Amino acid sequence: MKEPYHSTSRVILMCGTAGSGKSTYAQMLEQQGFVRLSYDVESFNKGYKIHPLPTDVYDEIKTSLDLKLKILIKKNKDVVLDYSFWSRKMRDEYKNMLLPFGVKPEIIVIVTPKEIVLQRIHDRKGKNPNDIILDEQTAAHYYENFQPPTLDEGEITIINGY
C-alpha cells in the first residue's frame, strides 16, 4: 500500500470581497517567499480586464491554476491563493483538494467596509491585473453575497481592511 504524501507547503486561502485588499496582502506574502496564484493575473494576461469572466475562460483558468497549485505543493512551495473564496463551498473544495497532500490550508479574511470596497472598484481602470473592472451592480452583489468563514472551517486570521 502506498504511503500518503505529506507536503510541507503552507497554503493560504485569501478570503474577502472584490476590492477588500486581498491582492495587496497576498503580494506582501509573495515578497516573503510565497508563490501567489491569482485569477485576476491569469485573466488579465489573457486580455480580460473586466469581470465576471465568460464561463469557459473561468473554467480554463481554474484548471490551469489547480494544476499549478498541485505542482507547487509537490515541490513543497508555500502558496497564497489570491482568489475571493467568497463561498463556503469553494473553501471546502480547496480543503478537500489539499487533503491528499497532507496540507491544511490557512484562511486569511480581509474585512473592509462596503463603501471603501465599492469606491475602490469604482476607481478601477483595468490597467493592471490588480485593477480588474467590475460594474457597480456586480460589485455590490459580490459584497452582499459574501459568506464569511466560520470557526468550524479551521484556522482563520481576520485582517481589518481600510
N, C-alpha and C. Protein backbone atom coordinates (compact mmCIF):
# COMPACT_ATOMS: atom_id res chain seq x y z
N MET A 1 0.83 -1.18 0.00
CA MET A 1 0.00 0.00 0.00
C MET A 1 0.88 1.25 0.00
N LYS A 2 0.53 2.23 -0.83
CA LYS A 2 1.31 3.44 -0.97
C LYS A 2 1.07 4.38 0.21
N GLU A 3 2.17 4.91 0.75
CA GLU A 3 2.07 5.87 1.86
C GLU A 3 1.46 7.18 1.34
N PRO A 4 0.64 7.84 2.15
CA PRO A 4 0.10 9.13 1.72
C PRO A 4 1.22 10.17 1.64
N TYR A 5 1.07 11.08 0.71
CA TYR A 5 2.07 12.13 0.53
C TYR A 5 1.81 13.25 1.53
N HIS A 6 2.85 13.74 2.15
CA HIS A 6 2.71 14.85 3.10
C HIS A 6 3.65 15.97 2.67
N SER A 7 3.07 17.02 2.16
CA SER A 7 3.83 18.19 1.74
C SER A 7 4.11 19.05 2.97
N THR A 8 5.18 19.81 2.89
CA THR A 8 5.48 20.78 3.94
C THR A 8 4.99 22.17 3.55
N SER A 9 4.27 22.26 2.45
CA SER A 9 3.77 23.54 1.97
C SER A 9 2.77 24.15 2.93
N ARG A 10 2.83 25.48 3.01
CA ARG A 10 1.75 26.25 3.63
C ARG A 10 0.91 26.78 2.49
N VAL A 11 -0.39 26.63 2.62
CA VAL A 11 -1.30 27.17 1.61
C VAL A 11 -2.27 28.11 2.31
N ILE A 12 -2.32 29.33 1.81
CA ILE A 12 -3.19 30.35 2.40
C ILE A 12 -4.30 30.66 1.41
N LEU A 13 -5.53 30.61 1.90
CA LEU A 13 -6.70 31.00 1.12
C LEU A 13 -7.01 32.45 1.47
N MET A 14 -6.81 33.36 0.53
CA MET A 14 -7.18 34.77 0.75
C MET A 14 -8.68 34.87 0.54
N CYS A 15 -9.35 35.36 1.53
CA CYS A 15 -10.80 35.34 1.55
C CYS A 15 -11.32 36.76 1.77
N GLY A 16 -12.19 37.20 0.88
CA GLY A 16 -12.77 38.53 1.03
C GLY A 16 -13.43 38.97 -0.27
N THR A 17 -14.12 40.07 -0.20
CA THR A 17 -14.83 40.56 -1.37
C THR A 17 -13.86 41.22 -2.35
N ALA A 18 -14.32 41.41 -3.57
CA ALA A 18 -13.54 42.17 -4.55
C ALA A 18 -13.31 43.56 -3.96
N GLY A 19 -12.08 44.05 -4.07
CA GLY A 19 -11.78 45.38 -3.58
C GLY A 19 -11.46 45.48 -2.10
N SER A 20 -11.39 44.35 -1.42
CA SER A 20 -11.16 44.37 0.04
C SER A 20 -9.70 44.57 0.41
N GLY A 21 -8.78 44.26 -0.51
CA GLY A 21 -7.35 44.36 -0.22
C GLY A 21 -6.63 43.02 -0.20
N LYS A 22 -7.29 41.99 -0.72
CA LYS A 22 -6.68 40.65 -0.73
C LYS A 22 -5.37 40.62 -1.50
N SER A 23 -5.37 41.21 -2.69
CA SER A 23 -4.17 41.16 -3.53
C SER A 23 -3.01 41.91 -2.88
N THR A 24 -3.29 43.03 -2.26
CA THR A 24 -2.23 43.79 -1.57
C THR A 24 -1.60 42.92 -0.49
N TYR A 25 -2.43 42.23 0.29
CA TYR A 25 -1.92 41.37 1.35
C TYR A 25 -1.18 40.17 0.75
N ALA A 26 -1.75 39.58 -0.30
CA ALA A 26 -1.12 38.43 -0.95
C ALA A 26 0.23 38.80 -1.55
N GLN A 27 0.36 40.00 -2.07
CA GLN A 27 1.64 40.44 -2.61
C GLN A 27 2.68 40.60 -1.50
N MET A 28 2.25 40.99 -0.32
CA MET A 28 3.15 41.06 0.82
C MET A 28 3.68 39.65 1.15
N LEU A 29 2.78 38.67 1.12
CA LEU A 29 3.19 37.28 1.36
C LEU A 29 4.13 36.79 0.26
N GLU A 30 3.87 37.23 -0.96
CA GLU A 30 4.72 36.87 -2.09
C GLU A 30 6.15 37.39 -1.85
N GLN A 31 6.27 38.58 -1.31
CA GLN A 31 7.59 39.14 -1.01
C GLN A 31 8.30 38.35 0.08
N GLN A 32 7.52 37.61 0.89
CA GLN A 32 8.09 36.78 1.95
C GLN A 32 8.40 35.36 1.46
N GLY A 33 8.19 35.10 0.16
CA GLY A 33 8.56 33.81 -0.41
C GLY A 33 7.42 32.93 -0.86
N PHE A 34 6.19 33.34 -0.63
CA PHE A 34 5.04 32.56 -1.12
C PHE A 34 4.92 32.73 -2.63
N VAL A 35 4.40 31.71 -3.28
CA VAL A 35 4.03 31.82 -4.69
C VAL A 35 2.57 32.23 -4.71
N ARG A 36 2.26 33.30 -5.42
CA ARG A 36 0.89 33.81 -5.48
C ARG A 36 0.23 33.33 -6.76
N LEU A 37 -0.93 32.71 -6.60
CA LEU A 37 -1.75 32.32 -7.74
C LEU A 37 -2.99 33.20 -7.73
N SER A 38 -3.37 33.71 -8.91
CA SER A 38 -4.44 34.70 -8.98
C SER A 38 -5.24 34.55 -10.27
N TYR A 39 -6.57 34.49 -10.14
CA TYR A 39 -7.45 34.52 -11.31
C TYR A 39 -7.29 35.85 -12.05
N ASP A 40 -7.15 36.94 -11.30
CA ASP A 40 -7.04 38.25 -11.93
C ASP A 40 -5.80 38.34 -12.81
N VAL A 41 -4.67 37.85 -12.33
CA VAL A 41 -3.44 37.87 -13.12
C VAL A 41 -3.62 37.02 -14.38
N GLU A 42 -4.14 35.82 -14.20
CA GLU A 42 -4.31 34.92 -15.36
C GLU A 42 -5.27 35.51 -16.39
N SER A 43 -6.38 36.06 -15.92
CA SER A 43 -7.37 36.61 -16.86
C SER A 43 -6.82 37.87 -17.54
N PHE A 44 -6.12 38.71 -16.80
CA PHE A 44 -5.52 39.91 -17.38
C PHE A 44 -4.52 39.53 -18.48
N ASN A 45 -3.71 38.50 -18.20
CA ASN A 45 -2.73 38.04 -19.19
C ASN A 45 -3.39 37.48 -20.45
N LYS A 46 -4.64 37.05 -20.34
CA LYS A 46 -5.40 36.57 -21.49
C LYS A 46 -6.19 37.70 -22.17
N GLY A 47 -6.05 38.91 -21.65
CA GLY A 47 -6.71 40.06 -22.26
C GLY A 47 -8.05 40.44 -21.65
N TYR A 48 -8.42 39.82 -20.53
CA TYR A 48 -9.69 40.11 -19.88
C TYR A 48 -9.46 41.10 -18.75
N LYS A 49 -9.97 42.31 -18.92
CA LYS A 49 -9.81 43.36 -17.92
C LYS A 49 -11.11 43.64 -17.17
N ILE A 50 -12.16 42.95 -17.58
CA ILE A 50 -13.48 43.13 -16.98
C ILE A 50 -13.98 41.77 -16.50
N HIS A 51 -14.53 41.74 -15.31
CA HIS A 51 -15.14 40.50 -14.76
C HIS A 51 -16.61 40.75 -14.52
N PRO A 52 -17.43 39.75 -14.41
CA PRO A 52 -17.08 38.33 -14.37
C PRO A 52 -16.64 37.81 -15.74
N LEU A 53 -15.87 36.74 -15.69
CA LEU A 53 -15.35 36.11 -16.89
C LEU A 53 -16.40 35.23 -17.55
N PRO A 54 -16.28 35.04 -18.87
CA PRO A 54 -17.12 34.01 -19.51
C PRO A 54 -16.82 32.65 -18.86
N THR A 55 -17.81 31.81 -18.76
CA THR A 55 -17.67 30.52 -18.07
C THR A 55 -16.53 29.68 -18.62
N ASP A 56 -16.38 29.62 -19.92
CA ASP A 56 -15.32 28.78 -20.49
C ASP A 56 -13.93 29.32 -20.14
N VAL A 57 -13.78 30.62 -20.09
CA VAL A 57 -12.49 31.22 -19.72
C VAL A 57 -12.22 30.96 -18.23
N TYR A 58 -13.22 31.16 -17.39
CA TYR A 58 -13.08 30.87 -15.97
C TYR A 58 -12.65 29.42 -15.75
N ASP A 59 -13.33 28.49 -16.43
CA ASP A 59 -13.03 27.06 -16.27
C ASP A 59 -11.61 26.74 -16.73
N GLU A 60 -11.17 27.35 -17.81
CA GLU A 60 -9.81 27.13 -18.32
C GLU A 60 -8.78 27.63 -17.31
N ILE A 61 -9.02 28.81 -16.77
CA ILE A 61 -8.10 29.38 -15.78
C ILE A 61 -8.09 28.54 -14.51
N LYS A 62 -9.26 28.10 -14.06
CA LYS A 62 -9.34 27.28 -12.85
C LYS A 62 -8.54 25.99 -13.02
N THR A 63 -8.70 25.34 -14.16
CA THR A 63 -7.97 24.09 -14.42
C THR A 63 -6.46 24.34 -14.38
N SER A 64 -6.02 25.43 -15.00
CA SER A 64 -4.60 25.76 -15.03
C SER A 64 -4.07 26.08 -13.63
N LEU A 65 -4.81 26.90 -12.88
CA LEU A 65 -4.37 27.26 -11.52
C LEU A 65 -4.36 26.05 -10.59
N ASP A 66 -5.35 25.18 -10.70
CA ASP A 66 -5.39 23.98 -9.85
C ASP A 66 -4.18 23.09 -10.13
N LEU A 67 -3.82 22.96 -11.41
CA LEU A 67 -2.64 22.16 -11.76
C LEU A 67 -1.37 22.80 -11.20
N LYS A 68 -1.23 24.11 -11.36
CA LYS A 68 -0.07 24.81 -10.80
C LYS A 68 0.01 24.62 -9.30
N LEU A 69 -1.13 24.72 -8.62
CA LEU A 69 -1.16 24.54 -7.17
C LEU A 69 -0.63 23.17 -6.78
N LYS A 70 -1.10 22.14 -7.44
CA LYS A 70 -0.67 20.77 -7.11
C LYS A 70 0.82 20.58 -7.37
N ILE A 71 1.32 21.14 -8.45
CA ILE A 71 2.76 21.04 -8.76
C ILE A 71 3.58 21.74 -7.68
N LEU A 72 3.13 22.94 -7.28
CA LEU A 72 3.86 23.68 -6.25
C LEU A 72 3.86 22.94 -4.91
N ILE A 73 2.73 22.33 -4.58
CA ILE A 73 2.64 21.58 -3.32
C ILE A 73 3.58 20.37 -3.36
N LYS A 74 3.65 19.71 -4.50
CA LYS A 74 4.57 18.57 -4.63
C LYS A 74 6.02 19.00 -4.50
N LYS A 75 6.28 20.27 -4.79
CA LYS A 75 7.64 20.82 -4.64
C LYS A 75 7.84 21.47 -3.27
N ASN A 76 6.84 21.31 -2.39
CA ASN A 76 6.88 21.87 -1.03
C ASN A 76 7.02 23.38 -1.01
N LYS A 77 6.42 24.05 -1.97
CA LYS A 77 6.43 25.50 -2.02
C LYS A 77 5.25 26.05 -1.23
N ASP A 78 5.44 27.20 -0.61
CA ASP A 78 4.35 27.89 0.09
C ASP A 78 3.56 28.68 -0.95
N VAL A 79 2.24 28.61 -0.85
CA VAL A 79 1.37 29.19 -1.87
C VAL A 79 0.29 30.04 -1.22
N VAL A 80 0.05 31.22 -1.80
CA VAL A 80 -1.09 32.03 -1.39
C VAL A 80 -2.04 32.07 -2.58
N LEU A 81 -3.27 31.64 -2.33
CA LEU A 81 -4.31 31.64 -3.36
C LEU A 81 -5.06 32.96 -3.26
N ASP A 82 -4.75 33.86 -4.17
CA ASP A 82 -5.33 35.20 -4.19
C ASP A 82 -6.63 35.15 -4.99
N TYR A 83 -7.60 34.42 -4.43
CA TYR A 83 -8.92 34.28 -5.02
C TYR A 83 -9.86 35.02 -4.07
N SER A 84 -11.15 34.88 -4.25
CA SER A 84 -12.06 35.53 -3.30
C SER A 84 -12.49 34.57 -2.19
N PHE A 85 -12.57 33.29 -2.51
CA PHE A 85 -13.09 32.30 -1.58
C PHE A 85 -14.33 32.84 -0.88
N TRP A 86 -15.24 33.37 -1.70
CA TRP A 86 -16.44 34.05 -1.19
C TRP A 86 -17.46 33.08 -0.61
N SER A 87 -17.36 31.79 -0.99
CA SER A 87 -18.37 30.82 -0.52
C SER A 87 -17.73 29.69 0.27
N ARG A 88 -18.49 29.18 1.19
CA ARG A 88 -18.06 28.01 1.96
C ARG A 88 -17.78 26.83 1.02
N LYS A 89 -18.61 26.71 -0.01
CA LYS A 89 -18.46 25.61 -0.97
C LYS A 89 -17.08 25.65 -1.63
N MET A 90 -16.64 26.84 -2.04
CA MET A 90 -15.32 26.95 -2.69
C MET A 90 -14.20 26.65 -1.71
N ARG A 91 -14.32 27.15 -0.49
CA ARG A 91 -13.29 26.87 0.52
C ARG A 91 -13.22 25.37 0.80
N ASP A 92 -14.37 24.72 0.92
CA ASP A 92 -14.40 23.27 1.16
C ASP A 92 -13.79 22.50 -0.01
N GLU A 93 -14.06 22.96 -1.23
CA GLU A 93 -13.49 22.31 -2.42
C GLU A 93 -11.96 22.30 -2.34
N TYR A 94 -11.39 23.44 -1.98
CA TYR A 94 -9.93 23.52 -1.91
C TYR A 94 -9.37 22.77 -0.71
N LYS A 95 -10.07 22.78 0.40
CA LYS A 95 -9.62 21.97 1.55
C LYS A 95 -9.57 20.50 1.16
N ASN A 96 -10.59 20.04 0.45
CA ASN A 96 -10.63 18.64 0.01
C ASN A 96 -9.55 18.34 -1.02
N MET A 97 -9.23 19.31 -1.87
CA MET A 97 -8.18 19.13 -2.87
C MET A 97 -6.81 18.98 -2.19
N LEU A 98 -6.61 19.70 -1.08
CA LEU A 98 -5.33 19.69 -0.38
C LEU A 98 -5.15 18.49 0.56
N LEU A 99 -6.25 17.89 0.95
CA LEU A 99 -6.23 16.79 1.91
C LEU A 99 -5.27 15.65 1.52
N PRO A 100 -5.28 15.18 0.27
CA PRO A 100 -4.37 14.08 -0.08
C PRO A 100 -2.88 14.44 0.03
N PHE A 101 -2.57 15.72 0.08
CA PHE A 101 -1.19 16.17 0.21
C PHE A 101 -0.79 16.39 1.67
N GLY A 102 -1.75 16.19 2.58
CA GLY A 102 -1.48 16.41 3.99
C GLY A 102 -1.39 17.89 4.35
N VAL A 103 -2.01 18.74 3.53
CA VAL A 103 -1.96 20.18 3.74
C VAL A 103 -3.30 20.66 4.26
N LYS A 104 -3.25 21.39 5.37
CA LYS A 104 -4.45 22.02 5.92
C LYS A 104 -4.31 23.52 5.67
N PRO A 105 -5.15 24.09 4.82
CA PRO A 105 -4.98 25.49 4.47
C PRO A 105 -5.29 26.44 5.62
N GLU A 106 -4.63 27.59 5.57
CA GLU A 106 -4.91 28.68 6.50
C GLU A 106 -5.82 29.66 5.77
N ILE A 107 -6.76 30.23 6.47
CA ILE A 107 -7.68 31.20 5.88
C ILE A 107 -7.36 32.58 6.43
N ILE A 108 -7.11 33.51 5.52
CA ILE A 108 -6.94 34.90 5.90
C ILE A 108 -8.10 35.67 5.29
N VAL A 109 -8.87 36.32 6.16
CA VAL A 109 -10.03 37.09 5.72
C VAL A 109 -9.70 38.57 5.82
N ILE A 110 -9.94 39.28 4.74
CA ILE A 110 -9.79 40.73 4.75
C ILE A 110 -11.19 41.33 4.84
N VAL A 111 -11.45 42.05 5.91
CA VAL A 111 -12.77 42.65 6.14
C VAL A 111 -12.64 44.16 5.94
N THR A 112 -13.33 44.66 4.94
CA THR A 112 -13.24 46.08 4.59
C THR A 112 -14.66 46.63 4.45
N PRO A 113 -14.90 47.83 4.95
CA PRO A 113 -16.24 48.41 4.84
C PRO A 113 -16.72 48.52 3.38
N LYS A 114 -18.03 48.32 3.22
CA LYS A 114 -18.63 48.29 1.89
C LYS A 114 -18.35 49.56 1.09
N GLU A 115 -18.47 50.72 1.72
CA GLU A 115 -18.28 51.97 0.98
C GLU A 115 -16.85 52.09 0.44
N ILE A 116 -15.87 51.58 1.17
CA ILE A 116 -14.48 51.62 0.70
C ILE A 116 -14.29 50.64 -0.45
N VAL A 117 -14.83 49.44 -0.30
CA VAL A 117 -14.75 48.43 -1.36
C VAL A 117 -15.37 48.96 -2.65
N LEU A 118 -16.57 49.51 -2.55
CA LEU A 118 -17.25 50.00 -3.76
C LEU A 118 -16.51 51.17 -4.38
N GLN A 119 -15.91 52.04 -3.58
CA GLN A 119 -15.13 53.15 -4.13
C GLN A 119 -13.89 52.64 -4.85
N ARG A 120 -13.22 51.68 -4.25
CA ARG A 120 -12.03 51.10 -4.90
C ARG A 120 -12.39 50.50 -6.25
N ILE A 121 -13.48 49.77 -6.29
CA ILE A 121 -13.89 49.13 -7.54
C ILE A 121 -14.31 50.20 -8.55
N HIS A 122 -14.99 51.22 -8.09
CA HIS A 122 -15.41 52.32 -8.97
C HIS A 122 -14.19 53.00 -9.61
N ASP A 123 -13.09 53.09 -8.87
CA ASP A 123 -11.88 53.76 -9.34
C ASP A 123 -11.02 52.92 -10.28
N ARG A 124 -11.33 51.65 -10.43
CA ARG A 124 -10.51 50.77 -11.26
C ARG A 124 -10.62 51.15 -12.74
N LYS A 125 -9.48 50.99 -13.44
CA LYS A 125 -9.40 51.34 -14.86
C LYS A 125 -8.94 50.19 -15.74
N GLY A 126 -8.63 49.03 -15.15
CA GLY A 126 -8.19 47.88 -15.94
C GLY A 126 -6.77 47.99 -16.45
N LYS A 127 -5.92 48.75 -15.76
CA LYS A 127 -4.55 48.98 -16.24
C LYS A 127 -3.56 47.89 -15.85
N ASN A 128 -3.91 47.09 -14.85
CA ASN A 128 -3.02 46.01 -14.43
C ASN A 128 -3.88 44.90 -13.81
N PRO A 129 -3.27 43.75 -13.53
CA PRO A 129 -4.05 42.61 -13.03
C PRO A 129 -4.78 42.86 -11.71
N ASN A 130 -4.32 43.83 -10.93
CA ASN A 130 -4.97 44.12 -9.66
C ASN A 130 -5.97 45.27 -9.79
N ASP A 131 -6.34 45.57 -11.01
CA ASP A 131 -7.20 46.70 -11.32
C ASP A 131 -8.37 46.24 -12.22
N ILE A 132 -8.80 44.99 -12.03
CA ILE A 132 -9.87 44.40 -12.84
C ILE A 132 -11.16 45.17 -12.62
N ILE A 133 -11.86 45.44 -13.71
CA ILE A 133 -13.08 46.25 -13.67
C ILE A 133 -14.30 45.38 -13.38
N LEU A 134 -15.13 45.87 -12.49
CA LEU A 134 -16.45 45.28 -12.20
C LEU A 134 -17.46 46.42 -12.26
N ASP A 135 -18.66 46.13 -12.76
CA ASP A 135 -19.67 47.18 -12.69
C ASP A 135 -20.18 47.27 -11.25
N GLU A 136 -20.77 48.40 -10.92
CA GLU A 136 -21.19 48.64 -9.54
C GLU A 136 -22.21 47.63 -9.04
N GLN A 137 -23.12 47.21 -9.91
CA GLN A 137 -24.13 46.24 -9.50
C GLN A 137 -23.49 44.90 -9.16
N THR A 138 -22.54 44.46 -9.98
CA THR A 138 -21.84 43.19 -9.71
C THR A 138 -21.03 43.30 -8.43
N ALA A 139 -20.34 44.41 -8.24
CA ALA A 139 -19.55 44.60 -7.03
C ALA A 139 -20.42 44.56 -5.78
N ALA A 140 -21.57 45.23 -5.83
CA ALA A 140 -22.49 45.22 -4.68
C ALA A 140 -23.03 43.81 -4.45
N HIS A 141 -23.33 43.10 -5.53
CA HIS A 141 -23.82 41.72 -5.41
C HIS A 141 -22.77 40.83 -4.74
N TYR A 142 -21.51 40.97 -5.18
CA TYR A 142 -20.44 40.18 -4.58
C TYR A 142 -20.33 40.48 -3.08
N TYR A 143 -20.39 41.74 -2.72
CA TYR A 143 -20.26 42.13 -1.31
C TYR A 143 -21.40 41.54 -0.48
N GLU A 144 -22.61 41.67 -0.98
CA GLU A 144 -23.80 41.23 -0.23
C GLU A 144 -23.92 39.72 -0.13
N ASN A 145 -23.30 38.99 -1.05
CA ASN A 145 -23.41 37.53 -1.05
C ASN A 145 -22.17 36.83 -0.50
N PHE A 146 -21.23 37.58 0.01
CA PHE A 146 -20.02 37.01 0.60
C PHE A 146 -20.40 36.19 1.83
N GLN A 147 -19.86 34.98 1.93
CA GLN A 147 -20.12 34.08 3.06
C GLN A 147 -18.85 34.02 3.92
N PRO A 148 -18.82 34.79 5.01
CA PRO A 148 -17.62 34.78 5.85
C PRO A 148 -17.34 33.39 6.40
N PRO A 149 -16.07 33.04 6.51
CA PRO A 149 -15.73 31.73 7.09
C PRO A 149 -16.14 31.67 8.56
N THR A 150 -16.41 30.47 9.00
CA THR A 150 -16.79 30.24 10.39
C THR A 150 -15.70 29.45 11.10
N LEU A 151 -15.71 29.47 12.41
CA LEU A 151 -14.67 28.83 13.20
C LEU A 151 -14.53 27.34 12.92
N ASP A 152 -15.61 26.69 12.49
CA ASP A 152 -15.51 25.26 12.22
C ASP A 152 -14.76 24.95 10.92
N GLU A 153 -14.32 26.00 10.19
CA GLU A 153 -13.58 25.78 8.94
C GLU A 153 -12.08 25.66 9.17
N GLY A 154 -11.63 25.90 10.38
CA GLY A 154 -10.20 25.79 10.67
C GLY A 154 -9.62 27.10 11.12
N GLU A 155 -8.30 27.19 10.98
CA GLU A 155 -7.57 28.38 11.41
C GLU A 155 -7.95 29.58 10.54
N ILE A 156 -8.41 30.65 11.18
CA ILE A 156 -8.83 31.85 10.47
C ILE A 156 -8.12 33.05 11.09
N THR A 157 -7.53 33.87 10.22
CA THR A 157 -6.94 35.12 10.64
C THR A 157 -7.77 36.24 10.01
N ILE A 158 -8.23 37.16 10.82
CA ILE A 158 -9.04 38.27 10.32
C ILE A 158 -8.17 39.53 10.28
N ILE A 159 -8.14 40.15 9.12
CA ILE A 159 -7.39 41.39 8.94
C ILE A 159 -8.42 42.48 8.63
N ASN A 160 -8.40 43.56 9.39
CA ASN A 160 -9.30 44.67 9.12
C ASN A 160 -8.72 45.51 7.99
N GLY A 161 -9.47 45.55 6.88
CA GLY A 161 -9.05 46.36 5.74
C GLY A 161 -9.40 47.81 6.00
N TYR A 162 -8.97 48.63 5.13
CA TYR A 162 -9.23 50.06 5.26
C TYR A 162 -9.48 50.67 3.91
